[in-house]
Amino acid sequence: MLGQGTRSRGQATTEHILIVVLVAIRPIGVITAFGNQVRGPFRVAIERLGGVSDSKPDSAIARSARNEVHKSLSSLKE
């Protein structure tokens, strides 16, 4: 009887660890895939959370990101 309860708790712990790992990997993959397009907004968000109220995104990066989104959306329509 005691062995079954311990095994169940171990399984639940393993499942929770797997969920945490998968949740942590997703943002790393997004940042790696989209590179500079998301680094700017992340930088601004981090600076604003840190108290820098006049932080602004780089307009060239924002423009490039918008162009990429428009290209992606137009390819979906086709």
Protein backbone atom coordinates (compact mmCIF):
# COMPACT_ATOMS: atom_id res chain seq x y z
CA MET A 1 0.00 0.00 0.00
CA LEU A 2 2.70 2.49 0.87
CA GLY A 3 4.52 1.93 -2.41
CA GLN A 4 1.50 2.94 -4.51
CA GLY A 5 1.08 6.36 -2.86
CA THR A 6 4.74 7.20 -3.23
CA ARG A 7 4.73 6.18 -6.88
CA SER A 8 1.70 8.35 -7.58
CA ARG A 9 3.32 11.38 -5.95
CA GLY A 10 6.52 10.77 -7.90
CA GLN A 11 4.58 10.58 -11.14
CA ALA A 12 2.75 13.84 -10.35
CA THR A 13 6.03 15.54 -9.52
CA THR A 14 7.56 14.36 -12.80
CA GLU A 15 4.54 15.63 -14.74
CA HIS A 16 4.79 19.03 -13.06
CA ILE A 17 8.50 19.26 -13.87
CA LEU A 18 7.80 18.41 -17.51
CA ILE A 19 5.13 21.12 -17.71
CA VAL A 20 7.47 23.72 -16.19
CA VAL A 21 10.25 22.76 -18.61
CA LEU A 22 7.92 22.98 -21.62
CA VAL A 23 6.59 26.36 -20.50
CA ALA A 24 10.15 27.63 -20.07
CA ILE A 25 11.30 26.36 -23.48
CA ARG A 26 8.53 28.06 -25.47
CA PRO A 27 9.69 31.69 -24.93
CA ILE A 28 13.28 30.68 -25.66
CA GLY A 29 12.16 29.15 -28.96
CA VAL A 30 10.12 32.22 -29.90
CA ILE A 31 13.00 34.58 -29.15
CA THR A 32 15.39 32.38 -31.11
CA ALA A 33 13.04 32.05 -34.08
CA PHE A 34 12.10 35.71 -34.37
CA GLY A 35 15.41 37.20 -33.19
CA ASN A 36 15.59 40.97 -33.37
CA GLN A 37 11.87 41.31 -34.03
CA VAL A 38 11.07 40.43 -30.42
CA ARG A 39 14.24 41.60 -28.70
CA GLY A 40 13.23 45.26 -29.02
CA PRO A 41 9.83 44.90 -27.37
CA PHE A 42 11.33 42.66 -24.66
CA ARG A 43 14.04 45.24 -23.99
CA VAL A 44 11.47 48.03 -23.69
CA ALA A 45 9.27 45.94 -21.37
CA ILE A 46 12.23 45.06 -19.15
CA GLU A 47 13.45 48.66 -19.01
CA ARG A 48 9.97 49.94 -18.15
CA LEU A 49 9.59 47.31 -15.43
CA GLY A 50 12.97 48.47 -14.14
CA GLY A 51 11.75 52.06 -13.88
CA VAL A 52 13.01 53.61 -17.14
CA SER A 53 9.82 55.40 -18.23
CA ASP A 54 11.21 57.01 -21.40
CA SER A 55 12.32 53.74 -23.03
CA LYS A 56 11.14 53.43 -26.65
CA PRO A 57 11.41 50.62 -29.17
CA ASP A 58 13.78 50.96 -32.11
CA SER A 59 11.57 52.13 -34.99
CA ALA A 60 13.58 50.20 -37.63
CA ILE A 61 13.09 46.93 -35.77
CA ALA A 62 9.39 47.65 -35.26
CA ARG A 63 8.97 48.47 -38.96
CA SER A 64 10.79 45.27 -39.93
CA ALA A 65 8.60 43.22 -37.60
CA ARG A 66 5.42 44.76 -39.06
CA ASN A 67 6.61 43.96 -42.58
CA GLU A 68 7.30 40.34 -41.61
CA VAL A 69 3.84 40.01 -40.06
CA HIS A 70 2.21 41.45 -43.18
CA LYS A 71 4.19 39.02 -45.37
CA SER A 72 3.13 36.11 -43.18
CA LEU A 73 -0.51 37.17 -43.22
CA SER A 74 -0.55 37.65 -46.99
CA SER A 75 0.96 34.19 -47.51
CA LEU A 76 -1.81 32.73 -45.33
CA LYS A 77 -4.46 34.33 -47.53
CA GLU A 78 -3.06 32.64 -50.65
